[in-house]
Amino acid sequence: MNRLLLLSSLVAVGAFAAEPPAAAKLRLVKAREVKSSSKETVTGQLFPSRMLPMGFELGGRLAVSKVQKGEVVKPGQLLGSLDTEISDAQVMQAEAGVAQAEAVAGLALDVAARNEKLKAEGSVSDVQNRQADVSAKQAQAGLALAKAQLAQARAGRRRHELKALFSGTIIDAPDTVGGMVGPGNPVYIIMQLDPLTVKVTIPENLRAAVKPGQKVRVEAVGGSATSDDAVVKVVIPSADPQTRRVPVEVSVPNPKGEFVANTLARVVFPVGEARFAFVISSTAMNSTGGDHVYAVGADGTLKKVFVTVIERRGAEVVVSASEALDTVVDYPTTALVEGTKVTQR
């Protein structure tokens, strides 16, 4: 009887031991394989690609302002104009001068032509003929002078209008009209904000790795704007004499106005050979005892894999690992143990 009880107990214990433990339910996320390289991150200021303070060549009273601050303008668009009462009168006066000079020149040419015929007939002396010819030439010179004065008056009239020279955004404009403006004094300021230009410097030893036309990543400092389509515009072939760093200008596309001119931005330059890496959620990283993640193997068990951070991208991080990563644990805890079988929560 005792043997039977012992045998039954052993069978029950064996059956209990053979039952597999329940898999732990954890939040799992996929890792994404990418090509990455070593990075050099530098910070610089974003500048408008073009900026132009615009004023009138002539002084006068501002009569009309056609644009407001923040407005986007196109090349040739009228910005504002000065009062044209005096300039209109000057143009009319010059037109009258041309009409008078044309009449005088026409009469002088007729006299010269008639004297030429009379001279051939012997009715006019050579001196009289030459005097008529000189008078005709003087009248023609007077006509040319009158036309030049008319052209000058019309040019002055046109200079009472100010037009945009390129597409851009009005940064400054008069709030009211009627005030006097001096010649050359800025009245409007136009900035081209797409693209922007960020100016940075890099160490001299990285100059060979950074080339014009190369795509780089730009991130706004203190903002969420980013772009992977920024392009190195120029690498200045002269280092700063104080820092020995090489100036670089990067063109940053800004079609939606997400980047703000005259603020700071980070430029991420790839400076090494491209290699395979993995993009994972930043919340899948655990730094206790060194940067690592808990990867889920093909058999569904956990394995601790140490990683090296290459680049941080806000909610994501690019890492290199000693082995391929497919699925990792999100929000890992120190209680996780290698070999534990897991399933998706």
C-alpha atoms as a PDB file:
ATOM      1  CA  MET A   1       0.000   0.000   0.000  1.00  0.00           C
ATOM      2  CA  ASN A   2       2.795   2.379   0.945  1.00  0.00           C
ATOM      3  CA  ARG A   3       4.558   1.522  -2.327  1.00  0.00           C
ATOM      4  CA  LEU A   4       1.480   2.380  -4.305  1.00  0.00           C
ATOM      5  CA  LEU A   5       1.148   5.757  -2.533  1.00  0.00           C
ATOM      6  CA  LEU A   6       4.831   6.538  -3.110  1.00  0.00           C
ATOM      7  CA  LEU A   7       4.585   5.596  -6.776  1.00  0.00           C
ATOM      8  CA  SER A   8       1.495   7.777  -7.210  1.00  0.00           C
ATOM      9  CA  SER A   9       3.273  10.707  -5.566  1.00  0.00           C
ATOM     10  CA  LEU A  10       6.308  10.361  -7.821  1.00  0.00           C
ATOM     11  CA  VAL A  11       4.115  10.245 -10.924  1.00  0.00           C
ATOM     12  CA  ALA A  12       2.263  13.382  -9.802  1.00  0.00           C
ATOM     13  CA  VAL A  13       5.535  15.228  -9.101  1.00  0.00           C
ATOM     14  CA  GLY A  14       6.927  14.183 -12.485  1.00  0.00           C
ATOM     15  CA  ALA A  15       3.822  15.358 -14.251  1.00  0.00           C
ATOM     16  CA  PHE A  16       4.010  18.725 -12.460  1.00  0.00           C
ATOM     17  CA  ALA A  17       7.706  19.162 -13.308  1.00  0.00           C
ATOM     18  CA  ALA A  18       7.119  18.350 -16.967  1.00  0.00           C
ATOM     19  CA  GLU A  19       4.548  21.164 -17.346  1.00  0.00           C
ATOM     20  CA  PRO A  20       6.301  24.168 -19.032  1.00  0.00           C
ATOM     21  CA  PRO A  21       6.220  27.482 -17.165  1.00  0.00           C
ATOM     22  CA  ALA A  22       3.869  30.155 -18.508  1.00  0.00           C
ATOM     23  CA  ALA A  23       5.555  32.698 -20.865  1.00  0.00           C
ATOM     24  CA  ALA A  24       5.971  36.206 -19.466  1.00  0.00           C
ATOM     25  CA  LYS A  25       3.852  38.810 -21.243  1.00  0.00           C
ATOM     26  CA  LEU A  26       5.936  41.876 -22.144  1.00  0.00           C
ATOM     27  CA  ARG A  27       5.624  44.771 -24.534  1.00  0.00           C
ATOM     28  CA  LEU A  28       7.772  43.958 -27.567  1.00  0.00           C
ATOM     29  CA  VAL A  29       8.844  46.294 -30.401  1.00  0.00           C
ATOM     30  CA  LYS A  30      10.524  45.662 -33.726  1.00  0.00           C
ATOM     31  CA  ALA A  31      14.064  46.834 -34.494  1.00  0.00           C
ATOM     32  CA  ARG A  32      14.718  48.314 -37.950  1.00  0.00           C
ATOM     33  CA  GLU A  33      17.955  47.650 -39.805  1.00  0.00           C
ATOM     34  CA  VAL A  34      19.612  50.680 -41.434  1.00  0.00           C
ATOM     35  CA  LYS A  35      22.966  51.777 -42.757  1.00  0.00           C
ATOM     36  CA  SER A  36      24.669  54.283 -40.505  1.00  0.00           C
ATOM     37  CA  SER A  37      28.075  55.774 -39.884  1.00  0.00           C
ATOM     38  CA  SER A  38      29.946  57.725 -37.277  1.00  0.00           C
ATOM     39  CA  LYS A  39      28.574  61.221 -36.760  1.00  0.00           C
ATOM     40  CA  GLU A  40      29.959  64.641 -35.946  1.00  0.00           C
ATOM     41  CA  THR A  41      27.338  66.980 -34.483  1.00  0.00           C
ATOM     42  CA  VAL A  42      27.952  70.725 -34.459  1.00  0.00           C
ATOM     43  CA  THR A  43      25.713  73.671 -33.660  1.00  0.00           C
ATOM     44  CA  GLY A  44      25.346  76.869 -35.668  1.00  0.00           C
ATOM     45  CA  GLN A  45      22.931  79.662 -36.470  1.00  0.00           C
ATOM     46  CA  LEU A  46      20.246  79.547 -39.152  1.00  0.00           C
ATOM     47  CA  PHE A  47      20.375  82.506 -41.526  1.00  0.00           C
ATOM     48  CA  PRO A  48      18.059  83.558 -44.360  1.00  0.00           C
ATOM     49  CA  SER A  49      19.482  82.459 -47.702  1.00  0.00           C
ATOM     50  CA  ARG A  50      19.027  86.080 -48.811  1.00  0.00           C
ATOM     51  CA  MET A  51      18.212  89.256 -46.921  1.00  0.00           C
ATOM     52  CA  LEU A  52      17.893  92.750 -48.383  1.00  0.00           C
ATOM     53  CA  PRO A  53      16.981  96.069 -46.722  1.00  0.00           C
ATOM     54  CA  MET A  54      15.258  98.139 -49.433  1.00  0.00           C
ATOM     55  CA  GLY A  55      14.829 101.898 -49.623  1.00  0.00           C
ATOM     56  CA  PHE A  56      14.026 104.535 -52.237  1.00  0.00           C
ATOM     57  CA  GLU A  57      16.841 106.109 -54.214  1.00  0.00           C
ATOM     58  CA  LEU A  58      15.095 109.457 -53.861  1.00  0.00           C
ATOM     59  CA  GLY A  59      13.673 111.153 -50.810  1.00  0.00           C
ATOM     60  CA  GLY A  60      10.017 112.024 -50.513  1.00  0.00           C
ATOM     61  CA  ARG A  61       6.711 111.386 -48.783  1.00  0.00           C
ATOM     62  CA  LEU A  62       5.561 107.768 -48.557  1.00  0.00           C
ATOM     63  CA  ALA A  63       2.152 107.792 -50.251  1.00  0.00           C
ATOM     64  CA  VAL A  64       1.341 104.081 -50.609  1.00  0.00           C
ATOM     65  CA  SER A  65       2.491 100.879 -48.874  1.00  0.00           C
ATOM     66  CA  LYS A  66       1.216  97.715 -50.562  1.00  0.00           C
ATOM     67  CA  VAL A  67       2.585  95.012 -48.233  1.00  0.00           C
ATOM     68  CA  GLN A  68       2.508  94.118 -44.557  1.00  0.00           C
ATOM     69  CA  LYS A  69       4.933  92.388 -42.201  1.00  0.00           C
ATOM     70  CA  GLY A  70       4.924  88.624 -42.659  1.00  0.00           C
ATOM     71  CA  GLU A  71       3.575  88.775 -46.215  1.00  0.00           C
ATOM     72  CA  VAL A  72       5.243  86.666 -48.916  1.00  0.00           C
ATOM     73  CA  VAL A  73       6.096  88.624 -52.072  1.00  0.00           C
ATOM     74  CA  LYS A  74       7.229  87.718 -55.578  1.00  0.00           C
ATOM     75  CA  PRO A  75       9.899  89.337 -57.779  1.00  0.00           C
ATOM     76  CA  GLY A  76       8.655  92.590 -59.313  1.00  0.00           C
ATOM     77  CA  GLN A  77       5.789  92.996 -56.838  1.00  0.00           C
ATOM     78  CA  LEU A  78       5.162  96.616 -55.818  1.00  0.00           C
ATOM     79  CA  LEU A  79       6.071  97.269 -52.186  1.00  0.00           C
ATOM     80  CA  GLY A  80       5.308 100.986 -51.905  1.00  0.00           C
ATOM     81  CA  SER A  81       5.551 104.326 -53.666  1.00  0.00           C
ATOM     82  CA  LEU A  82       6.355 107.949 -52.902  1.00  0.00           C
ATOM     83  CA  ASP A  83       4.130 110.922 -53.715  1.00  0.00           C
ATOM     84  CA  THR A  84       4.592 111.614 -57.452  1.00  0.00           C
ATOM     85  CA  GLU A  85       3.043 115.090 -57.826  1.00  0.00           C
ATOM     86  CA  ILE A  86       6.365 116.868 -58.373  1.00  0.00           C
ATOM     87  CA  SER A  87       7.907 114.092 -60.467  1.00  0.00           C
ATOM     88  CA  ASP A  88       4.817 113.959 -62.710  1.00  0.00           C
ATOM     89  CA  ALA A  89       5.163 117.700 -63.300  1.00  0.00           C
ATOM     90  CA  GLN A  90       8.856 117.263 -64.133  1.00  0.00           C
ATOM     91  CA  VAL A  91       8.000 114.581 -66.697  1.00  0.00           C
ATOM     92  CA  MET A  92       5.385 116.851 -68.314  1.00  0.00           C
ATOM     93  CA  GLN A  93       7.889 119.713 -68.412  1.00  0.00           C
ATOM     94  CA  ALA A  94      10.496 117.488 -70.050  1.00  0.00           C
ATOM     95  CA  GLU A  95       7.940 116.241 -72.605  1.00  0.00           C
ATOM     96  CA  ALA A  96       7.146 119.858 -73.478  1.00  0.00           C
ATOM     97  CA  GLY A  97      10.862 120.553 -73.854  1.00  0.00           C
ATOM     98  CA  VAL A  98      11.186 117.680 -76.317  1.00  0.00           C
ATOM     99  CA  ALA A  99       8.240 118.930 -78.351  1.00  0.00           C
ATOM    100  CA  GLN A 100       9.764 122.418 -78.518  1.00  0.00           C
ATOM    101  CA  ALA A 101      13.194 121.068 -79.457  1.00  0.00           C
ATOM    102  CA  GLU A 102      11.670 118.929 -82.208  1.00  0.00           C
ATOM    103  CA  ALA A 103       9.982 121.997 -83.703  1.00  0.00           C
ATOM    104  CA  VAL A 104      13.203 124.064 -83.582  1.00  0.00           C
ATOM    105  CA  ALA A 105      15.240 121.194 -85.042  1.00  0.00           C
ATOM    106  CA  GLY A 106      12.713 120.658 -87.840  1.00  0.00           C
ATOM    107  CA  LEU A 107      12.800 124.332 -88.819  1.00  0.00           C
ATOM    108  CA  ALA A 108      16.609 124.470 -88.701  1.00  0.00           C
ATOM    109  CA  LEU A 109      16.891 121.393 -90.916  1.00  0.00           C
ATOM    110  CA  ASP A 110      14.513 122.922 -93.478  1.00  0.00           C
ATOM    111  CA  VAL A 111      16.554 126.133 -93.581  1.00  0.00           C
ATOM    112  CA  ALA A 112      19.791 124.204 -93.987  1.00  0.00           C
ATOM    113  CA  ALA A 113      18.314 122.102 -96.832  1.00  0.00           C
ATOM    114  CA  ARG A 114      16.989 125.224 -98.616  1.00  0.00           C
ATOM    115  CA  ASN A 115      20.319 127.055 -98.280  1.00  0.00           C
ATOM    116  CA  GLU A 116      22.105 124.046 -99.744  1.00  0.00           C
ATOM    117  CA  LYS A 117      19.966 124.342-102.885  1.00  0.00           C
ATOM    118  CA  LEU A 118      20.412 128.104-103.073  1.00  0.00           C
ATOM    119  CA  LYS A 119      24.155 127.726-102.721  1.00  0.00           C
ATOM    120  CA  ALA A 120      24.149 125.369-105.677  1.00  0.00           C
ATOM    121  CA  GLU A 121      22.314 128.040-107.661  1.00  0.00           C
ATOM    122  CA  GLY A 122      24.767 130.720-106.464  1.00  0.00           C
ATOM    123  CA  SER A 123      22.130 132.669-104.540  1.00  0.00           C
ATOM    124  CA  VAL A 124      23.665 132.019-101.077  1.00  0.00           C
ATOM    125  CA  SER A 125      27.240 132.429-100.076  1.00  0.00           C
ATOM    126  CA  ASP A 126      29.264 129.588 -98.690  1.00  0.00           C
ATOM    127  CA  VAL A 127      29.422 131.317 -95.280  1.00  0.00           C
ATOM    128  CA  GLN A 128      25.627 131.622 -95.074  1.00  0.00           C
ATOM    129  CA  ASN A 129      25.233 127.964 -96.034  1.00  0.00           C
ATOM    130  CA  ARG A 130      27.681 126.862 -93.353  1.00  0.00           C
ATOM    131  CA  GLN A 131      25.933 129.021 -90.740  1.00  0.00           C
ATOM    132  CA  ALA A 132      22.589 127.359 -91.580  1.00  0.00           C
ATOM    133  CA  ASP A 133      24.204 123.922 -91.334  1.00  0.00           C
ATOM    134  CA  VAL A 134      25.681 124.746 -87.909  1.00  0.00           C
ATOM    135  CA  SER A 135      22.302 126.033 -86.694  1.00  0.00           C
ATOM    136  CA  ALA A 136      20.671 122.767 -87.806  1.00  0.00           C
ATOM    137  CA  LYS A 137      23.251 120.696 -85.928  1.00  0.00           C
ATOM    138  CA  GLN A 138      22.815 122.849 -82.828  1.00  0.00           C
ATOM    139  CA  ALA A 139      19.051 122.339 -83.013  1.00  0.00           C
ATOM    140  CA  GLN A 140      19.548 118.562 -83.298  1.00  0.00           C
ATOM    141  CA  ALA A 141      21.859 118.641 -80.270  1.00  0.00           C
ATOM    142  CA  GLY A 142      19.200 120.603 -78.372  1.00  0.00           C
ATOM    143  CA  LEU A 143      16.647 117.915 -79.271  1.00  0.00           C
ATOM    144  CA  ALA A 144      18.961 115.164 -78.030  1.00  0.00           C
ATOM    145  CA  LEU A 145      19.476 117.085 -74.791  1.00  0.00           C
ATOM    146  CA  ALA A 146      15.704 117.514 -74.349  1.00  0.00           C
ATOM    147  CA  LYS A 147      15.186 113.778 -74.895  1.00  0.00           C
ATOM    148  CA  ALA A 148      17.873 112.985 -72.334  1.00  0.00           C
ATOM    149  CA  GLN A 149      16.179 115.290 -69.821  1.00  0.00           C
ATOM    150  CA  LEU A 150      12.871 113.510 -70.489  1.00  0.00           C
ATOM    151  CA  ALA A 151      14.491 110.106 -69.957  1.00  0.00           C
ATOM    152  CA  GLN A 152      15.990 111.368 -66.708  1.00  0.00           C
ATOM    153  CA  ALA A 153      12.619 112.707 -65.540  1.00  0.00           C
ATOM    154  CA  ARG A 154      10.906 109.431 -66.356  1.00  0.00           C
ATOM    155  CA  ALA A 155      13.647 107.457 -64.577  1.00  0.00           C
ATOM    156  CA  GLY A 156      13.169 109.676 -61.525  1.00  0.00           C
ATOM    157  CA  ARG A 157       9.447 108.997 -61.719  1.00  0.00           C
ATOM    158  CA  ARG A 158      10.033 105.253 -61.786  1.00  0.00           C
ATOM    159  CA  ARG A 159      12.278 105.551 -58.740  1.00  0.00           C
ATOM    160  CA  HIS A 160       9.271 106.682 -56.765  1.00  0.00           C
ATOM    161  CA  GLU A 161       8.170 103.047 -56.814  1.00  0.00           C
ATOM    162  CA  LEU A 162       9.907 100.237 -54.924  1.00  0.00           C
ATOM    163  CA  LYS A 163       9.564  96.647 -56.148  1.00  0.00           C
ATOM    164  CA  ALA A 164      10.740  93.307 -54.724  1.00  0.00           C
ATOM    165  CA  LEU A 165      13.869  91.901 -56.339  1.00  0.00           C
ATOM    166  CA  PHE A 166      13.310  88.265 -55.276  1.00  0.00           C
ATOM    167  CA  SER A 167      10.741  86.013 -53.628  1.00  0.00           C
ATOM    168  CA  GLY A 168      10.755  86.367 -49.872  1.00  0.00           C
ATOM    169  CA  THR A 169       8.949  87.344 -46.694  1.00  0.00           C
ATOM    170  CA  ILE A 170       8.482  90.940 -45.561  1.00  0.00           C
ATOM    171  CA  ILE A 171      10.197  91.193 -42.184  1.00  0.00           C
ATOM    172  CA  ASP A 172       9.790  94.942 -41.723  1.00  0.00           C
ATOM    173  CA  ALA A 173       7.471  97.464 -43.357  1.00  0.00           C
ATOM    174  CA  PRO A 174       6.025 100.874 -42.432  1.00  0.00           C
ATOM    175  CA  ASP A 175       2.998 100.737 -40.154  1.00  0.00           C
ATOM    176  CA  THR A 176       1.610 103.980 -41.584  1.00  0.00           C
ATOM    177  CA  VAL A 177       2.014 106.125 -44.687  1.00  0.00           C
ATOM    178  CA  GLY A 178       2.420 109.882 -45.066  1.00  0.00           C
ATOM    179  CA  GLY A 179       5.825 110.226 -43.433  1.00  0.00           C
ATOM    180  CA  MET A 180       8.982 111.486 -45.105  1.00  0.00           C
ATOM    181  CA  VAL A 181      11.683 108.989 -46.074  1.00  0.00           C
ATOM    182  CA  GLY A 182      15.249 109.856 -46.917  1.00  0.00           C
ATOM    183  CA  PRO A 183      17.163 108.606 -49.963  1.00  0.00           C
ATOM    184  CA  GLY A 184      18.714 105.197 -49.308  1.00  0.00           C
ATOM    185  CA  ASN A 185      17.110 104.751 -45.888  1.00  0.00           C
ATOM    186  CA  PRO A 186      15.721 101.187 -45.460  1.00  0.00           C
ATOM    187  CA  VAL A 187      11.927 101.148 -45.563  1.00  0.00           C
ATOM    188  CA  TYR A 188      11.341  97.415 -46.142  1.00  0.00           C
ATOM    189  CA  ILE A 189      13.341  94.323 -45.225  1.00  0.00           C
ATOM    190  CA  ILE A 190      12.886  91.132 -47.280  1.00  0.00           C
ATOM    191  CA  MET A 191      14.218  87.714 -46.228  1.00  0.00           C
ATOM    192  CA  GLN A 192      14.220  84.545 -48.293  1.00  0.00           C
ATOM    193  CA  LEU A 193      13.366  81.863 -45.717  1.00  0.00           C
ATOM    194  CA  ASP A 194      13.250  78.839 -48.004  1.00  0.00           C
ATOM    195  CA  PRO A 195      15.866  77.554 -48.019  1.00  0.00           C
ATOM    196  CA  LEU A 196      17.723  78.718 -44.933  1.00  0.00           C
ATOM    197  CA  THR A 197      21.481  78.575 -44.479  1.00  0.00           C
ATOM    198  CA  VAL A 198      23.104  77.265 -41.317  1.00  0.00           C
ATOM    199  CA  LYS A 199      26.705  78.293 -40.744  1.00  0.00           C
ATOM    200  CA  VAL A 200      28.894  75.989 -38.634  1.00  0.00           C
ATOM    201  CA  THR A 201      32.556  75.032 -38.228  1.00  0.00           C
ATOM    202  CA  ILE A 202      34.086  71.564 -38.191  1.00  0.00           C
ATOM    203  CA  PRO A 203      37.469  70.269 -36.961  1.00  0.00           C
ATOM    204  CA  GLU A 204      40.224  70.445 -39.534  1.00  0.00           C
ATOM    205  CA  ASN A 205      40.688  66.653 -39.545  1.00  0.00           C
ATOM    206  CA  LEU A 206      37.086  66.179 -40.780  1.00  0.00           C
ATOM    207  CA  ARG A 207      37.403  68.513 -43.750  1.00  0.00           C
ATOM    208  CA  ALA A 208      38.148  65.659 -46.169  1.00  0.00           C
ATOM    209  CA  ALA A 209      34.961  63.837 -45.103  1.00  0.00           C
ATOM    210  CA  VAL A 210      32.635  66.802 -45.700  1.00  0.00           C
ATOM    211  CA  LYS A 211      32.054  67.744 -49.329  1.00  0.00           C
ATOM    212  CA  PRO A 212      29.723  70.153 -51.178  1.00  0.00           C
ATOM    213  CA  GLY A 213      26.514  68.413 -52.285  1.00  0.00           C
ATOM    214  CA  GLN A 214      26.614  65.953 -49.372  1.00  0.00           C
ATOM    215  CA  LYS A 215      23.286  65.362 -47.596  1.00  0.00           C
ATOM    216  CA  VAL A 216      23.249  65.918 -43.831  1.00  0.00           C
ATOM    217  CA  ARG A 217      20.685  65.961 -41.053  1.00  0.00           C
ATOM    218  CA  VAL A 218      19.662  69.255 -39.437  1.00  0.00           C
ATOM    219  CA  GLU A 219      17.731  69.534 -36.164  1.00  0.00           C
ATOM    220  CA  ALA A 220      16.335  72.710 -34.628  1.00  0.00           C
ATOM    221  CA  VAL A 221      17.685  73.442 -31.149  1.00  0.00           C
ATOM    222  CA  GLY A 222      14.737  74.068 -28.859  1.00  0.00           C
ATOM    223  CA  GLY A 223      12.241  72.951 -31.500  1.00  0.00           C
ATOM    224  CA  SER A 224      10.937  69.825 -33.194  1.00  0.00           C
ATOM    225  CA  ALA A 225      11.856  70.690 -36.800  1.00  0.00           C
ATOM    226  CA  THR A 226      14.222  68.250 -38.530  1.00  0.00           C
ATOM    227  CA  SER A 227      15.373  67.661 -42.089  1.00  0.00           C
ATOM    228  CA  ASP A 228      17.369  64.840 -43.681  1.00  0.00           C
ATOM    229  CA  ASP A 229      17.473  66.692 -47.010  1.00  0.00           C
ATOM    230  CA  ALA A 230      19.839  69.493 -46.003  1.00  0.00           C
ATOM    231  CA  VAL A 231      22.824  69.809 -48.355  1.00  0.00           C
ATOM    232  CA  VAL A 232      26.355  71.056 -47.781  1.00  0.00           C
ATOM    233  CA  LYS A 233      26.551  74.224 -49.877  1.00  0.00           C
ATOM    234  CA  VAL A 234      30.174  75.195 -49.446  1.00  0.00           C
ATOM    235  CA  VAL A 235      33.253  74.211 -47.434  1.00  0.00           C
ATOM    236  CA  ILE A 236      35.393  77.313 -46.983  1.00  0.00           C
ATOM    237  CA  PRO A 237      39.031  76.472 -47.846  1.00  0.00           C
ATOM    238  CA  SER A 238      40.352  78.623 -45.004  1.00  0.00           C
ATOM    239  CA  ALA A 239      40.249  77.829 -41.294  1.00  0.00           C
ATOM    240  CA  ASP A 240      39.265  80.321 -38.622  1.00  0.00           C
ATOM    241  CA  PRO A 241      42.535  81.844 -37.340  1.00  0.00           C
ATOM    242  CA  GLN A 242      41.401  81.656 -33.704  1.00  0.00           C
ATOM    243  CA  THR A 243      39.838  78.184 -33.502  1.00  0.00           C
ATOM    244  CA  ARG A 244      41.525  76.459 -36.469  1.00  0.00           C
ATOM    245  CA  ARG A 245      38.105  75.107 -37.408  1.00  0.00           C
ATOM    246  CA  VAL A 246      36.839  75.065 -40.998  1.00  0.00           C
ATOM    247  CA  PRO A 247      33.655  77.061 -41.808  1.00  0.00           C
ATOM    248  CA  VAL A 248      30.879  75.144 -43.564  1.00  0.00           C
ATOM    249  CA  GLU A 249      27.550  76.427 -44.924  1.00  0.00           C
ATOM    250  CA  VAL A 250      24.573  74.072 -45.218  1.00  0.00           C
ATOM    251  CA  SER A 251      21.389  74.762 -47.211  1.00  0.00           C
ATOM    252  CA  VAL A 252      18.272  73.712 -45.256  1.00  0.00           C
ATOM    253  CA  PRO A 253      14.947  73.231 -47.109  1.00  0.00           C
ATOM    254  CA  ASN A 254      12.158  75.062 -45.300  1.00  0.00           C
ATOM    255  CA  PRO A 255       8.991  74.828 -47.451  1.00  0.00           C
ATOM    256  CA  LYS A 256       6.614  74.735 -44.474  1.00  0.00           C
ATOM    257  CA  GLY A 257       8.453  77.317 -42.375  1.00  0.00           C
ATOM    258  CA  GLU A 258       9.190  74.818 -39.589  1.00  0.00           C
ATOM    259  CA  PHE A 259      12.707  76.166 -39.096  1.00  0.00           C
ATOM    260  CA  VAL A 260      13.013  79.724 -37.769  1.00  0.00           C
ATOM    261  CA  ALA A 261      15.672  82.076 -39.097  1.00  0.00           C
ATOM    262  CA  ASN A 262      18.259  83.439 -36.661  1.00  0.00           C
ATOM    263  CA  THR A 263      17.826  80.521 -34.238  1.00  0.00           C
ATOM    264  CA  LEU A 264      20.214  77.663 -33.493  1.00  0.00           C
ATOM    265  CA  ALA A 265      20.334  74.303 -35.245  1.00  0.00           C
ATOM    266  CA  ARG A 266      22.384  71.119 -34.954  1.00  0.00           C
ATOM    267  CA  VAL A 267      24.019  69.691 -38.074  1.00  0.00           C
ATOM    268  CA  VAL A 268      24.839  65.970 -38.044  1.00  0.00           C
ATOM    269  CA  PHE A 269      27.682  65.126 -40.451  1.00  0.00           C
ATOM    270  CA  PRO A 270      28.356  61.480 -41.390  1.00  0.00           C
ATOM    271  CA  VAL A 271      32.129  61.153 -41.164  1.00  0.00           C
ATOM    272  CA  GLY A 272      32.832  57.419 -41.336  1.00  0.00           C
ATOM    273  CA  GLU A 273      32.208  54.405 -43.535  1.00  0.00           C
ATOM    274  CA  ALA A 274      28.579  53.307 -43.620  1.00  0.00           C
ATOM    275  CA  ARG A 275      27.827  50.174 -41.594  1.00  0.00           C
ATOM    276  CA  PHE A 276      24.753  48.203 -40.629  1.00  0.00           C
ATOM    277  CA  ALA A 277      22.978  49.397 -37.508  1.00  0.00           C
ATOM    278  CA  PHE A 278      19.552  49.144 -35.930  1.00  0.00           C
ATOM    279  CA  VAL A 279      16.910  51.742 -35.140  1.00  0.00           C
ATOM    280  CA  ILE A 280      14.999  50.971 -31.946  1.00  0.00           C
ATOM    281  CA  SER A 281      12.680  52.859 -29.650  1.00  0.00           C
ATOM    282  CA  SER A 282      14.636  54.904 -27.119  1.00  0.00           C
ATOM    283  CA  THR A 283      12.469  53.339 -24.405  1.00  0.00           C
ATOM    284  CA  ALA A 284      13.902  49.890 -25.256  1.00  0.00           C
ATOM    285  CA  MET A 285      17.353  50.964 -24.024  1.00  0.00           C
ATOM    286  CA  ASN A 286      18.623  49.990 -20.585  1.00  0.00           C
ATOM    287  CA  SER A 287      21.821  51.629 -19.336  1.00  0.00           C
ATOM    288  CA  THR A 288      22.247  49.786 -16.031  1.00  0.00           C
ATOM    289  CA  GLY A 289      25.601  48.017 -16.277  1.00  0.00           C
ATOM    290  CA  GLY A 290      26.218  49.420 -19.786  1.00  0.00           C
ATOM    291  CA  ASP A 291      23.942  50.213 -22.717  1.00  0.00           C
ATOM    292  CA  HIS A 292      22.021  47.062 -23.658  1.00  0.00           C
ATOM    293  CA  VAL A 293      18.685  45.739 -24.840  1.00  0.00           C
ATOM    294  CA  TYR A 294      16.805  42.511 -24.245  1.00  0.00           C
ATOM    295  CA  ALA A 295      16.375  40.807 -27.595  1.00  0.00           C
ATOM    296  CA  VAL A 296      13.825  38.071 -28.234  1.00  0.00           C
ATOM    297  CA  GLY A 297      15.304  35.092 -30.030  1.00  0.00           C
ATOM    298  CA  ALA A 298      13.642  32.844 -32.583  1.00  0.00           C
ATOM    299  CA  ASP A 299      12.641  30.479 -29.768  1.00  0.00           C
ATOM    300  CA  GLY A 300      10.913  33.328 -27.901  1.00  0.00           C
ATOM    301  CA  THR A 301      13.483  33.601 -25.088  1.00  0.00           C
ATOM    302  CA  LEU A 302      15.263  36.703 -23.831  1.00  0.00           C
ATOM    303  CA  LYS A 303      18.893  37.485 -24.479  1.00  0.00           C
ATOM    304  CA  LYS A 304      20.831  40.468 -23.151  1.00  0.00           C
ATOM    305  CA  VAL A 305      22.640  42.216 -26.033  1.00  0.00           C
ATOM    306  CA  PHE A 306      25.051  45.079 -25.433  1.00  0.00           C
ATOM    307  CA  VAL A 307      24.828  47.957 -27.922  1.00  0.00           C
ATOM    308  CA  THR A 308      26.695  51.144 -28.846  1.00  0.00           C
ATOM    309  CA  VAL A 309      24.698  54.314 -29.441  1.00  0.00           C
ATOM    310  CA  ILE A 310      25.494  55.921 -32.801  1.00  0.00           C
ATOM    311  CA  GLU A 311      22.801  58.579 -32.981  1.00  0.00           C
ATOM    312  CA  ARG A 312      19.814  59.744 -30.968  1.00  0.00           C
ATOM    313  CA  ARG A 313      16.702  60.848 -32.871  1.00  0.00           C
ATOM    314  CA  GLY A 314      14.242  61.923 -30.221  1.00  0.00           C
ATOM    315  CA  ALA A 315      11.938  58.939 -29.734  1.00  0.00           C
ATOM    316  CA  GLU A 316      14.342  56.617 -31.568  1.00  0.00           C
ATOM    317  CA  VAL A 317      17.990  55.702 -31.218  1.00  0.00           C
ATOM    318  CA  VAL A 318      20.425  54.218 -33.735  1.00  0.00           C
ATOM    319  CA  VAL A 319      22.686  51.528 -32.268  1.00  0.00           C
ATOM    320  CA  SER A 320      25.264  49.018 -33.384  1.00  0.00           C
ATOM    321  CA  ALA A 321      25.122  45.541 -31.866  1.00  0.00           C
ATOM    322  CA  SER A 322      27.247  42.433 -31.836  1.00  0.00           C
ATOM    323  CA  GLU A 323      24.394  40.465 -33.396  1.00  0.00           C
ATOM    324  CA  ALA A 324      21.284  41.128 -35.433  1.00  0.00           C
ATOM    325  CA  LEU A 325      18.281  42.564 -33.614  1.00  0.00           C
ATOM    326  CA  ASP A 326      14.739  41.721 -34.672  1.00  0.00           C
ATOM    327  CA  THR A 327      12.413  42.125 -31.676  1.00  0.00           C
ATOM    328  CA  VAL A 328      13.342  43.792 -28.373  1.00  0.00           C
ATOM    329  CA  VAL A 329      11.599  44.419 -25.071  1.00  0.00           C
ATOM    330  CA  ASP A 330      10.129  47.896 -24.654  1.00  0.00           C
ATOM    331  CA  TYR A 331      10.547  49.479 -21.193  1.00  0.00           C
ATOM    332  CA  PRO A 332      12.833  46.711 -19.859  1.00  0.00           C
ATOM    333  CA  THR A 333      13.241  46.335 -16.089  1.00  0.00           C
ATOM    334  CA  THR A 334      16.100  45.076 -13.968  1.00  0.00           C
ATOM    335  CA  ALA A 335      13.963  42.028 -13.070  1.00  0.00           C
ATOM    336  CA  LEU A 336      14.308  40.537 -16.564  1.00  0.00           C
ATOM    337  CA  VAL A 337      16.354  37.338 -16.753  1.00  0.00           C
ATOM    338  CA  GLU A 338      18.052  35.872 -19.807  1.00  0.00           C
ATOM    339  CA  GLY A 339      16.405  32.702 -21.031  1.00  0.00           C
ATOM    340  CA  THR A 340      12.936  33.746 -19.930  1.00  0.00           C
ATOM    341  CA  LYS A 341      10.299  32.863 -22.470  1.00  0.00           C
ATOM    342  CA  VAL A 342       8.161  35.870 -23.435  1.00  0.00           C
ATOM    343  CA  THR A 343       5.117  36.743 -25.535  1.00  0.00           C
ATOM    344  CA  GLN A 344       3.616  40.005 -26.753  1.00  0.00           C
ATOM    345  CA  ARG A 345       1.471  41.745 -24.174  1.00  0.00           C
END
